[in-house]
Amino acid sequence: MTAASLPVYSGTQIRNAEKPLVDAGEGPALMRRAAYGLASRVLDLLRRAGGSYGARVVGLIGSGNNGGDGLYALAELRSRGVDARAVLVADRAHPQALEEFLRAGGRVIAEVPAGTTVLIDAILGTGARGAFTLPEVPGLIESARTSTVVACDIPSGVHADTGRCPGDALAAQHTVTFGAAKLGLLLGQGGLLSGEIHRVDIGLADQLPAPAAWELTGPELSAPRPRPGDHKYTRGILQVVAGSAQFPGAAELTVGAAITSGVGMVRLQAEPSVSSSVLQSWPEAVTSQGRAEKALEGATAAAIGPGLGRERSRQVEAETILRATVEAQMPCVLDATGLELLRGDLLSAGDLGAALILTPHLGEARRIADALQDEALQGLFAGEPDTLEAARALAQTLGATVLLKGPSTVVAGPDGTAPLIVRSATPGLATAGTGDVLTGIIGALLATAGSTQNLDFSRIAAEGARLHAAAAQRLDPHGRGHFGASALIGALRE
C-alpha cells in the first residue's frame, strides 16, 4: 500500500494487541499516552475556536478504561488552564484516573452546563456490546447540539468491528482513536457518527497484526499520466455500453465522466437517438452500432450498464459484450441495469475474474445475493449489514471485484485480501445519475491503466470512488446536497 492508505483494524484486533502490554504492566502507560493524545486534540480545537481562555470542557465519564482515558485527559487539560469538569454517568469510575483528576482541581458535576465548549464522550469503549442508552444527564441533549462533541476512541453505542449502532449514540464532530483506526469508525452508522478521525500512536505498532482493511485517504501515487509521445490510441480506449430511449442521460453522464477523467478515446455503443443526444454534449465521443461481437475491437476497457433499459435486444447486446470481456479478461466496470446481466452461468461460475468490477449499492447487492440463492450471503446482507464482510463474501462468491457503494464505500477483491474503504460522507451523492458518473470515472481509470498483468483492480476501483467523492466535496463542502450528477463532471477537472 502507498502512503495514501492507512491501516484499519477491528476493535478485537486492537484489544488483542494491547493485552500482552497490559499483562506486562504497561496498561497505565498506554492510558497516559491515549489521554495525552486526547487532551492535545481538544486543546487544538480550542485554539481554532479562539483559545482556551473562558472555554469549558465537560467529560461524560463511564466506569471502564474509556472513562479512565477521559479523566486523565481532563486532568491534563486542567494543567493547561482549561476549565475541565466531569460528569460520572455510572456508580463508579477508574479510581486512579479519578484521583488524579480531583488532585488537579477537577470538579465532578451532575449536569452538563450551558455554554460548554467541548463535550468529551468517554462513556463506552471498543469492548462495548449491545444497545446503548444515553444517560439521563440534565443538559446533555442540548449540549450535544451546541458543543463540539469529541469521542474518546469511539462514539459510545457504536460497535467497533462493524459500525452498527443498535441503540442510542452521540454523534461526534471529532473522534480521537487510540493505536489505529477501528472499522466501526468507518463502516455503517459508525461512519456517520464519528466525524473527523484523529489517530493517536500509543505504542502498539509491534503488536498489531495484518490490517482488516485499508482506508484510501489520498490519490493513488502511481496513477498513469499522459506522456509527450502519447496519442489517442496509446492513452486507452474505453467502450461504453449505456443509455436507452428511456434513459439517454445515463449514457451522457458516463461518457462525459470518462472523457473528463483523461482517457484517449471513448466509444459509445447505443441506438441512434441516444448517440445523437450524447454527441450534442460530447462531440469528441465516437459512436457506433453494429454487431456486438465486434464492439470491443481495439478497446482497452469497457463500461457497461447505466441506463440500458429493459428492451430485449439491448439487453442481449450488452450481455454479449459483457461475456466477451469476461472471456478475454478485459477490464470492465458493470453498474446499474448491467448488474442484472449476471444470470445463468455468468452468475454461477464463480470465476468472473478480478478485472470485472461490479458497483452495486446495498439494494442491488441484496438482489444479486437473492439471485444466487445463497442463504449465507443473504444473511450477510440482511438488516444493517457488516458491509466489509458482506462485500468480501460477494466478491469471493462471484470471483470478481466488488465495489459496494455507500457513505463508506467498500472495495473487495476475489482473492480475500484486506478490502479498501473510501469514506465519503457526501450526502449530495444520493441523487439520480451520480452512479453513472462513477462508472465513467472507473472505466477511464481501467482504460488508461496499461497492461492488465499485476494490476490491482480493487485499488483502481477505490481510486475511482475517491475521485468521485472528492468532486462532490469540492462542489458541496458543507453537505447541503444542492447539485446534480452533471455538475460532478465539471468538478472532476479541478
Protein backbone atom coordinates (compact mmCIF):
# COMPACT_ATOMS: atom_id res chain seq x y z
CA MET A 1 0.00 0.00 0.00
CA THR A 2 1.08 3.58 -0.65
CA ALA A 3 1.27 6.42 1.83
CA ALA A 4 -2.25 7.35 0.70
CA SER A 5 -3.64 4.29 2.51
CA LEU A 6 -4.00 3.89 6.26
CA PRO A 7 -4.47 0.56 8.06
CA VAL A 8 -7.79 -0.12 9.78
CA TYR A 9 -8.35 -2.78 12.43
CA SER A 10 -11.25 -4.35 14.23
CA GLY A 11 -11.75 -3.46 17.86
CA THR A 12 -10.94 -7.08 18.67
CA GLN A 13 -7.56 -6.80 16.93
CA ILE A 14 -6.70 -3.66 18.89
CA ARG A 15 -7.69 -5.21 22.21
CA ASN A 16 -5.64 -8.33 21.43
CA ALA A 17 -2.64 -6.12 20.58
CA GLU A 18 -3.00 -4.29 23.90
CA LYS A 19 -3.30 -7.46 26.01
CA PRO A 20 0.37 -8.54 26.15
CA LEU A 21 1.38 -4.98 27.05
CA VAL A 22 -1.29 -4.77 29.75
CA ASP A 23 -0.23 -8.18 31.09
CA ALA A 24 3.34 -6.88 31.25
CA GLY A 25 2.23 -3.98 33.43
CA GLU A 26 2.21 -1.31 30.71
CA GLY A 27 -1.53 -0.60 30.92
CA PRO A 28 -1.12 2.69 32.82
CA ALA A 29 1.42 3.91 30.26
CA LEU A 30 -0.95 3.10 27.38
CA MET A 31 -3.72 5.00 29.13
CA ARG A 32 -1.47 8.02 29.74
CA ARG A 33 -0.47 8.17 26.08
CA ALA A 34 -4.08 7.90 24.99
CA ALA A 35 -5.17 10.62 27.42
CA TYR A 36 -2.36 12.95 26.35
CA GLY A 37 -3.35 12.49 22.71
CA LEU A 38 -6.99 13.22 23.51
CA ALA A 39 -6.12 16.32 25.54
CA SER A 40 -3.79 17.59 22.81
CA ARG A 41 -6.53 17.30 20.20
CA VAL A 42 -9.05 19.10 22.42
CA LEU A 43 -6.53 21.90 23.01
CA ASP A 44 -6.04 22.19 19.26
CA LEU A 45 -9.80 22.50 18.76
CA LEU A 46 -9.99 25.17 21.45
CA ARG A 47 -7.17 27.14 19.81
CA ARG A 48 -9.00 27.04 16.48
CA ALA A 49 -12.14 28.31 18.24
CA GLY A 50 -10.32 31.26 19.76
CA GLY A 51 -8.29 29.83 22.62
CA SER A 52 -8.81 28.02 25.89
CA TYR A 53 -9.46 31.15 27.97
CA GLY A 54 -13.08 31.05 29.09
CA ALA A 55 -13.66 27.69 27.43
CA ARG A 56 -15.35 24.91 29.33
CA VAL A 57 -14.72 21.22 28.65
CA VAL A 58 -17.00 18.58 30.14
CA GLY A 59 -16.30 14.86 30.06
CA LEU A 60 -19.02 12.21 30.18
CA ILE A 61 -17.17 9.53 32.12
CA GLY A 62 -18.05 5.85 32.07
CA SER A 63 -16.97 3.16 34.51
CA GLY A 64 -14.26 1.45 32.46
CA ASN A 65 -10.92 2.22 30.86
CA ASN A 66 -12.53 4.55 28.33
CA GLY A 67 -13.70 6.68 31.23
CA GLY A 68 -10.18 6.48 32.69
CA ASP A 69 -8.76 7.85 29.43
CA GLY A 70 -11.25 10.70 29.66
CA LEU A 71 -10.43 11.54 33.28
CA TYR A 72 -6.68 11.59 32.66
CA ALA A 73 -7.29 13.83 29.64
CA LEU A 74 -9.40 16.20 31.75
CA ALA A 75 -6.60 16.34 34.35
CA GLU A 76 -4.12 17.19 31.58
CA LEU A 77 -6.42 19.92 30.31
CA ARG A 78 -6.69 21.41 33.79
CA SER A 79 -2.90 21.57 33.95
CA ARG A 80 -3.10 23.71 30.79
CA GLY A 81 -5.54 26.14 32.38
CA VAL A 82 -8.75 24.73 30.90
CA ASP A 83 -11.94 24.66 32.97
CA ALA A 84 -12.41 20.89 32.69
CA ARG A 85 -15.19 19.12 34.60
CA ALA A 86 -16.51 15.57 34.76
CA VAL A 87 -19.97 14.02 34.80
CA LEU A 88 -19.82 10.47 36.14
CA VAL A 89 -22.55 8.52 34.36
CA ALA A 90 -22.05 5.30 36.37
CA ASP A 91 -21.81 4.48 40.04
CA ARG A 92 -18.05 4.03 39.80
CA ALA A 93 -15.10 5.33 37.78
CA HIS A 94 -11.48 4.38 37.15
CA PRO A 95 -10.08 5.04 40.67
CA GLN A 96 -6.54 6.21 39.83
CA ALA A 97 -7.72 8.45 36.99
CA LEU A 98 -10.45 9.97 39.16
CA GLU A 99 -7.96 10.63 41.95
CA GLU A 100 -5.61 12.43 39.57
CA PHE A 101 -8.44 14.48 38.11
CA LEU A 102 -9.55 15.60 41.58
CA ARG A 103 -5.96 16.31 42.61
CA ALA A 104 -5.67 18.60 39.59
CA GLY A 105 -8.58 20.62 40.95
CA GLY A 106 -11.23 18.97 38.80
CA ARG A 107 -14.87 19.07 39.82
CA VAL A 108 -17.42 16.29 39.47
CA ILE A 109 -20.77 17.76 38.46
CA ALA A 110 -24.24 16.31 37.94
CA GLU A 111 -25.24 18.13 34.75
CA VAL A 112 -23.74 19.48 31.56
CA PRO A 113 -23.79 23.25 31.95
CA ALA A 114 -24.98 25.62 29.27
CA GLY A 115 -22.14 27.16 27.30
CA THR A 116 -19.99 24.01 27.30
CA THR A 117 -17.43 24.42 24.53
CA VAL A 118 -16.28 20.80 24.12
CA LEU A 119 -18.16 17.72 25.27
CA ILE A 120 -15.98 14.60 25.58
CA ASP A 121 -17.80 11.28 25.16
CA ALA A 122 -15.79 8.84 27.31
CA ILE A 123 -18.65 6.55 28.33
CA LEU A 124 -18.02 3.32 26.40
CA GLY A 125 -15.01 1.97 24.52
CA THR A 126 -14.28 -0.68 21.91
CA GLY A 127 -15.31 -3.60 24.11
CA ALA A 128 -18.92 -2.48 24.47
CA ARG A 129 -21.65 -4.72 23.05
CA GLY A 130 -25.40 -4.43 22.75
CA ALA A 131 -27.73 -1.46 22.61
CA PHE A 132 -26.63 1.70 24.41
CA THR A 133 -28.99 4.11 26.14
CA LEU A 134 -27.91 7.70 26.64
CA PRO A 135 -27.62 8.54 30.34
CA GLU A 136 -30.26 10.88 31.75
CA VAL A 137 -27.94 13.78 32.46
CA PRO A 138 -29.51 17.25 32.63
CA GLY A 139 -28.26 19.47 29.83
CA LEU A 140 -26.77 16.59 27.82
CA ILE A 141 -29.08 16.68 24.81
CA GLU A 142 -28.86 20.45 24.46
CA SER A 143 -25.09 20.45 24.86
CA ALA A 144 -24.73 17.69 22.27
CA ARG A 145 -26.39 20.08 19.79
CA THR A 146 -24.43 23.21 20.68
CA SER A 147 -20.98 21.94 21.75
CA THR A 148 -18.19 20.32 19.78
CA VAL A 149 -18.52 16.64 20.64
CA VAL A 150 -15.27 14.69 20.79
CA ALA A 151 -15.48 10.90 21.09
CA CYS A 152 -12.81 9.17 23.16
CA ASP A 153 -11.62 6.26 20.96
CA ILE A 154 -15.10 5.55 19.53
CA PRO A 155 -18.57 7.12 19.90
CA SER A 156 -20.45 5.35 22.68
CA GLY A 157 -23.02 2.93 21.26
CA VAL A 158 -21.07 2.14 18.07
CA HIS A 159 -19.85 -1.44 17.56
CA ALA A 160 -16.09 -1.20 17.00
CA ASP A 161 -15.96 -4.06 14.48
CA THR A 162 -18.96 -3.31 12.26
CA GLY A 163 -20.12 0.27 12.84
CA ARG A 164 -23.56 -0.98 13.83
CA CYS A 165 -25.48 1.17 16.30
CA PRO A 166 -28.43 -0.79 17.69
CA GLY A 167 -29.35 1.82 20.31
CA ASP A 168 -28.53 5.44 21.13
CA ALA A 169 -25.28 7.22 20.27
CA LEU A 170 -23.76 10.66 20.49
CA ALA A 171 -22.80 11.98 17.07
CA ALA A 172 -19.25 13.34 17.27
CA GLN A 173 -17.64 16.03 15.18
CA HIS A 174 -14.26 14.51 16.06
CA THR A 175 -13.11 11.09 17.23
CA VAL A 176 -9.67 10.66 18.81
CA THR A 177 -8.90 6.98 18.38
CA PHE A 178 -6.01 5.13 20.01
CA GLY A 179 -3.50 2.78 18.41
CA ALA A 180 -5.15 2.80 14.98
CA ALA A 181 -8.49 3.46 13.35
CA LYS A 182 -11.22 0.92 14.05
CA LEU A 183 -13.54 -0.48 11.40
CA GLY A 184 -16.55 0.81 13.32
CA LEU A 185 -15.41 4.40 12.79
CA LEU A 186 -15.67 3.99 9.01
CA LEU A 187 -18.45 1.49 8.39
CA GLY A 188 -22.22 1.56 8.85
CA GLN A 189 -23.73 4.10 11.22
CA GLY A 190 -20.33 4.49 12.85
CA GLY A 191 -19.03 6.12 9.70
CA LEU A 192 -21.75 8.77 10.03
CA LEU A 193 -21.33 9.30 13.77
CA SER A 194 -17.54 9.53 14.16
CA GLY A 195 -16.86 12.84 12.40
CA GLU A 196 -13.22 13.64 11.65
CA ILE A 197 -10.96 10.83 12.82
CA HIS A 198 -7.65 11.57 14.58
CA ARG A 199 -5.29 8.67 15.20
CA VAL A 200 -3.05 8.64 18.28
CA ASP A 201 0.01 6.37 18.43
CA ILE A 202 0.14 4.72 21.86
CA GLY A 203 2.89 2.22 21.10
CA LEU A 204 1.02 -0.76 19.64
CA ALA A 205 2.81 -0.92 16.28
CA ASP A 206 4.90 -4.00 17.11
CA GLN A 207 1.84 -5.87 18.38
CA LEU A 208 -0.56 -5.19 15.53
CA PRO A 209 -1.43 -7.97 13.04
CA ALA A 210 -2.23 -7.52 9.36
CA PRO A 211 -4.95 -4.88 8.98
CA ALA A 212 -8.56 -5.90 8.49
CA ALA A 213 -8.86 -3.21 5.80
CA TRP A 214 -7.15 -0.13 4.37
CA GLU A 215 -8.67 3.33 4.18
CA LEU A 216 -7.85 5.16 0.96
CA THR A 217 -7.18 8.72 2.14
CA GLY A 218 -5.42 10.35 -0.80
CA PRO A 219 -4.71 9.97 -4.52
CA GLU A 220 -3.11 6.85 -5.92
CA LEU A 221 0.54 7.91 -6.21
CA SER A 222 1.33 5.76 -9.24
CA ALA A 223 -1.63 6.77 -11.41
CA PRO A 224 -0.52 6.90 -15.08
CA ARG A 225 -0.16 10.30 -16.70
CA PRO A 226 -0.03 11.13 -20.42
CA ARG A 227 3.47 11.14 -21.92
CA PRO A 228 4.63 13.65 -24.54
CA GLY A 229 4.73 10.92 -27.20
CA ASP A 230 1.24 9.56 -26.50
CA HIS A 231 -1.64 9.65 -28.98
CA LYS A 232 -5.31 8.78 -28.66
CA TYR A 233 -4.74 5.06 -29.14
CA THR A 234 -1.92 4.73 -26.62
CA ARG A 235 -3.88 6.61 -23.96
CA GLY A 236 -6.54 3.94 -23.82
CA ILE A 237 -9.90 3.32 -25.48
CA LEU A 238 -13.00 2.85 -23.36
CA GLN A 239 -16.01 1.08 -24.85
CA VAL A 240 -19.20 2.32 -23.18
CA VAL A 241 -22.45 0.36 -23.42
CA ALA A 242 -25.04 2.61 -21.81
CA GLY A 243 -28.23 4.52 -22.38
CA SER A 244 -31.59 3.81 -23.98
CA ALA A 245 -34.52 5.79 -25.34
CA GLN A 246 -35.89 5.88 -21.80
CA PHE A 247 -32.58 6.85 -20.15
CA PRO A 248 -30.38 8.76 -22.63
CA GLY A 249 -28.92 10.90 -19.85
CA ALA A 250 -27.19 7.90 -18.28
CA ALA A 251 -25.04 7.47 -21.37
CA GLU A 252 -24.27 11.19 -21.45
CA LEU A 253 -23.12 11.17 -17.82
CA THR A 254 -20.98 8.06 -18.22
CA VAL A 255 -19.35 9.26 -21.41
CA GLY A 256 -18.76 12.77 -20.04
CA ALA A 257 -17.18 11.48 -16.84
CA ALA A 258 -14.90 9.14 -18.79
CA ILE A 259 -13.76 11.87 -21.19
CA THR A 260 -13.12 14.30 -18.34
CA SER A 261 -11.14 11.65 -16.46
CA GLY A 262 -8.50 11.58 -19.17
CA VAL A 263 -8.92 8.57 -21.47
CA GLY A 264 -7.67 8.74 -25.08
CA MET A 265 -10.97 7.80 -26.71
CA VAL A 266 -14.48 6.99 -25.57
CA ARG A 267 -16.64 4.88 -27.88
CA LEU A 268 -20.36 4.55 -27.24
CA GLN A 269 -22.44 1.57 -28.36
CA ALA A 270 -26.00 2.84 -28.40
CA GLU A 271 -29.05 3.38 -30.56
CA PRO A 272 -29.04 6.45 -32.87
CA SER A 273 -31.28 8.65 -30.71
CA VAL A 274 -29.03 8.12 -27.68
CA SER A 275 -25.84 8.68 -29.68
CA SER A 276 -27.25 11.89 -31.12
CA SER A 277 -28.11 13.18 -27.66
CA VAL A 278 -24.66 12.34 -26.29
CA LEU A 279 -22.85 13.98 -29.22
CA GLN A 280 -24.57 17.29 -28.55
CA SER A 281 -22.74 17.49 -25.22
CA TRP A 282 -19.65 15.42 -26.03
CA PRO A 283 -18.80 15.72 -29.74
CA GLU A 284 -15.42 14.06 -29.12
CA ALA A 285 -17.14 10.75 -28.35
CA VAL A 286 -17.11 8.11 -31.07
CA THR A 287 -20.48 6.44 -31.53
CA SER A 288 -21.13 3.07 -33.06
CA GLN A 289 -23.77 0.49 -33.79
CA GLY A 290 -23.47 -2.85 -35.40
CA ARG A 291 -22.57 -6.31 -34.25
CA ALA A 292 -21.97 -6.61 -30.53
CA GLU A 293 -19.29 -9.26 -31.15
CA LYS A 294 -17.14 -6.59 -32.85
CA ALA A 295 -17.74 -3.80 -30.32
CA LEU A 296 -14.62 -4.46 -28.24
CA GLU A 297 -12.12 -4.48 -31.10
CA GLY A 298 -9.29 -2.13 -30.15
CA ALA A 299 -10.75 -1.28 -26.76
CA THR A 300 -8.64 -1.48 -23.61
CA ALA A 301 -11.58 -1.49 -21.17
CA ALA A 302 -15.37 -1.43 -21.08
CA ALA A 303 -18.10 0.24 -19.02
CA ILE A 304 -21.49 -1.46 -19.20
CA GLY A 305 -24.84 -0.83 -17.63
CA PRO A 306 -26.04 2.70 -16.89
CA GLY A 307 -29.49 3.34 -18.35
CA LEU A 308 -29.64 0.19 -20.50
CA GLY A 309 -33.37 -0.14 -20.01
CA ARG A 310 -35.42 -3.30 -20.39
CA GLU A 311 -35.61 -3.69 -24.17
CA ARG A 312 -34.74 -7.28 -25.02
CA SER A 313 -32.44 -6.52 -27.97
CA ARG A 314 -30.46 -4.01 -25.91
CA GLN A 315 -30.09 -6.50 -23.06
CA VAL A 316 -28.84 -9.21 -25.43
CA GLU A 317 -26.34 -6.79 -26.98
CA ALA A 318 -24.98 -5.76 -23.60
CA GLU A 319 -24.79 -9.34 -22.35
CA THR A 320 -22.86 -10.38 -25.45
CA ILE A 321 -20.31 -7.64 -24.85
CA LEU A 322 -20.10 -8.48 -21.14
CA ARG A 323 -19.42 -12.15 -21.94
CA ALA A 324 -16.68 -11.09 -24.34
CA THR A 325 -14.96 -9.02 -21.63
CA VAL A 326 -15.11 -11.92 -19.16
CA GLU A 327 -13.75 -14.39 -21.70
CA ALA A 328 -10.90 -12.05 -22.67
CA GLN A 329 -10.36 -10.88 -19.09
CA MET A 330 -10.65 -7.31 -20.38
CA PRO A 331 -11.05 -4.75 -17.59
CA CYS A 332 -14.72 -3.84 -17.27
CA VAL A 333 -16.92 -1.94 -14.85
CA LEU A 334 -20.52 -3.18 -14.56
CA ASP A 335 -23.17 -0.98 -12.97
CA ALA A 336 -26.89 -0.30 -12.64
CA THR A 337 -29.05 -2.28 -15.10
CA GLY A 338 -25.91 -4.06 -16.24
CA LEU A 339 -25.79 -5.92 -12.92
CA GLU A 340 -28.97 -7.71 -13.97
CA LEU A 341 -26.97 -9.31 -16.79
CA LEU A 342 -25.36 -11.51 -14.15
CA ARG A 343 -27.56 -14.54 -14.67
CA GLY A 344 -27.24 -18.14 -15.66
CA ASP A 345 -23.64 -19.31 -15.97
CA LEU A 346 -22.34 -15.74 -15.53
CA LEU A 347 -23.87 -15.74 -12.07
CA SER A 348 -22.99 -19.28 -11.03
CA ALA A 349 -19.50 -19.75 -12.50
CA GLY A 350 -17.71 -18.18 -9.52
CA ASP A 351 -14.71 -17.10 -11.58
CA LEU A 352 -15.66 -13.91 -13.41
CA GLY A 353 -12.19 -12.50 -12.77
CA ALA A 354 -10.82 -9.58 -10.78
CA ALA A 355 -10.81 -7.44 -13.96
CA LEU A 356 -14.62 -7.28 -13.76
CA ILE A 357 -15.61 -4.58 -11.26
CA LEU A 358 -19.20 -4.65 -10.02
CA THR A 359 -20.52 -1.45 -8.43
CA PRO A 360 -23.79 -2.24 -6.64
CA HIS A 361 -25.44 -0.24 -3.92
CA LEU A 362 -26.83 -2.21 -1.00
CA GLY A 363 -30.19 -2.93 -2.63
CA GLU A 364 -28.58 -4.21 -5.83
CA ALA A 365 -26.16 -6.36 -3.84
CA ARG A 366 -29.10 -7.90 -1.98
CA ARG A 367 -30.76 -8.73 -5.31
CA ILE A 368 -27.58 -10.46 -6.51
CA ALA A 369 -27.44 -12.48 -3.27
CA ASP A 370 -31.10 -13.45 -3.76
CA ALA A 371 -30.46 -14.47 -7.38
CA LEU A 372 -27.59 -16.67 -6.19
CA GLN A 373 -29.97 -18.33 -3.69
CA ASP A 374 -27.09 -18.33 -1.23
CA GLU A 375 -28.59 -18.26 2.26
CA ALA A 376 -25.31 -17.40 3.97
CA LEU A 377 -24.75 -14.47 1.61
CA GLN A 378 -28.36 -13.33 2.00
CA GLY A 379 -27.85 -13.35 5.76
CA LEU A 380 -24.77 -11.15 5.48
CA PHE A 381 -26.75 -8.54 3.54
CA ALA A 382 -29.86 -8.65 5.75
CA GLY A 383 -30.82 -5.82 8.09
CA GLU A 384 -27.97 -3.46 8.95
CA PRO A 385 -25.13 -5.48 7.40
CA ASP A 386 -21.45 -5.63 8.17
CA THR A 387 -20.63 -4.14 4.77
CA LEU A 388 -16.98 -5.18 4.91
CA GLU A 389 -17.74 -8.88 5.39
CA ALA A 390 -20.70 -8.77 3.00
CA ALA A 391 -18.66 -7.19 0.18
CA ARG A 392 -15.80 -9.61 0.78
CA ALA A 393 -18.15 -12.61 0.63
CA LEU A 394 -19.87 -11.41 -2.54
CA ALA A 395 -16.52 -10.83 -4.27
CA GLN A 396 -15.32 -14.31 -3.38
CA THR A 397 -18.61 -15.94 -4.40
CA LEU A 398 -18.61 -14.32 -7.84
CA GLY A 399 -14.85 -14.35 -8.32
CA ALA A 400 -14.95 -10.65 -9.23
CA THR A 401 -14.07 -7.27 -7.72
CA VAL A 402 -16.98 -5.72 -5.80
CA LEU A 403 -17.35 -2.02 -5.03
CA LEU A 404 -20.22 -1.76 -2.53
CA LYS A 405 -21.43 1.84 -2.65
CA GLY A 406 -22.49 3.78 0.42
CA PRO A 407 -21.43 6.65 2.72
CA SER A 408 -18.34 4.50 3.24
CA THR A 409 -17.67 2.55 0.06
CA VAL A 410 -16.05 -0.88 0.47
CA VAL A 411 -13.99 -2.46 -2.32
CA ALA A 412 -13.19 -6.17 -2.07
CA GLY A 413 -11.34 -8.44 -4.47
CA PRO A 414 -11.91 -12.13 -5.09
CA ASP A 415 -8.58 -13.17 -3.56
CA GLY A 416 -9.66 -12.40 0.02
CA THR A 417 -7.03 -9.71 0.66
CA ALA A 418 -7.88 -6.84 3.00
CA PRO A 419 -10.59 -4.65 1.42
CA LEU A 420 -10.26 -0.93 0.77
CA ILE A 421 -12.58 1.66 2.32
CA VAL A 422 -13.35 5.07 0.84
CA ARG A 423 -15.18 7.24 3.36
CA SER A 424 -17.04 9.96 1.53
CA ALA A 425 -19.96 11.01 3.76
CA THR A 426 -21.11 13.38 0.99
CA PRO A 427 -24.93 13.26 1.10
CA GLY A 428 -25.23 15.10 -2.22
CA LEU A 429 -24.17 11.90 -3.99
CA ALA A 430 -27.51 10.32 -3.06
CA THR A 431 -29.17 11.53 -6.27
CA ALA A 432 -30.01 10.04 -9.64
CA GLY A 433 -27.11 9.75 -12.07
CA THR A 434 -24.17 10.00 -9.69
CA GLY A 435 -23.53 6.28 -10.09
CA ASP A 436 -23.32 6.77 -13.87
CA VAL A 437 -20.57 9.34 -13.29
CA LEU A 438 -18.69 6.88 -11.07
CA THR A 439 -18.93 4.24 -13.82
CA GLY A 440 -17.33 6.64 -16.30
CA ILE A 441 -14.52 7.53 -13.90
CA ILE A 442 -13.66 3.90 -13.15
CA GLY A 443 -13.94 2.97 -16.82
CA ALA A 444 -11.42 5.68 -17.73
CA LEU A 445 -9.03 4.55 -15.00
CA LEU A 446 -9.25 0.98 -16.28
CA ALA A 447 -8.72 2.01 -19.89
CA THR A 448 -5.60 4.04 -19.06
CA ALA A 449 -4.05 1.55 -16.63
CA GLY A 450 -1.98 -0.26 -19.24
CA SER A 451 -1.26 -3.99 -19.16
CA THR A 452 -3.74 -5.99 -17.08
CA GLN A 453 -0.95 -8.10 -15.65
CA ASN A 454 -0.37 -7.38 -11.97
CA LEU A 455 -2.97 -4.60 -11.88
CA ASP A 456 -4.65 -4.03 -8.54
CA PHE A 457 -8.26 -3.76 -9.67
CA SER A 458 -9.53 -3.14 -6.14
CA ARG A 459 -7.25 -0.12 -5.86
CA ILE A 460 -8.32 1.19 -9.28
CA ALA A 461 -11.99 0.92 -8.27
CA ALA A 462 -11.33 2.57 -4.91
CA GLU A 463 -9.44 5.41 -6.58
CA GLY A 464 -12.46 5.99 -8.80
CA ALA A 465 -14.67 6.21 -5.71
CA ARG A 466 -12.20 8.62 -4.08
CA LEU A 467 -12.16 10.91 -7.13
CA HIS A 468 -15.96 10.79 -7.23
CA ALA A 469 -16.26 11.74 -3.56
CA ALA A 470 -13.60 14.45 -3.87
CA ALA A 471 -15.53 16.09 -6.73
CA ALA A 472 -18.68 16.08 -4.59
CA GLN A 473 -16.78 17.58 -1.67
CA ARG A 474 -15.47 20.41 -3.85
CA LEU A 475 -18.99 21.16 -5.07
CA ASP A 476 -20.64 20.86 -1.69
CA PRO A 477 -18.18 21.29 1.20
CA HIS A 478 -20.96 21.84 3.74
CA GLY A 479 -23.04 18.80 2.74
CA ARG A 480 -26.17 20.67 1.65
CA GLY A 481 -26.67 18.50 -1.44
CA HIS A 482 -27.51 21.34 -3.80
CA PHE A 483 -26.11 19.87 -7.01
CA GLY A 484 -26.97 17.28 -9.64
CA ALA A 485 -24.91 14.49 -11.15
CA SER A 486 -23.90 16.50 -14.22
CA ALA A 487 -22.18 19.09 -12.01
CA LEU A 488 -19.80 16.38 -10.79
CA ILE A 489 -18.24 16.12 -14.24
CA GLY A 490 -17.08 19.73 -14.18
CA ALA A 491 -15.76 19.27 -10.63
CA LEU A 492 -13.58 16.36 -11.81
CA ARG A 493 -11.44 18.87 -13.75
CA GLU A 494 -10.41 20.78 -10.63
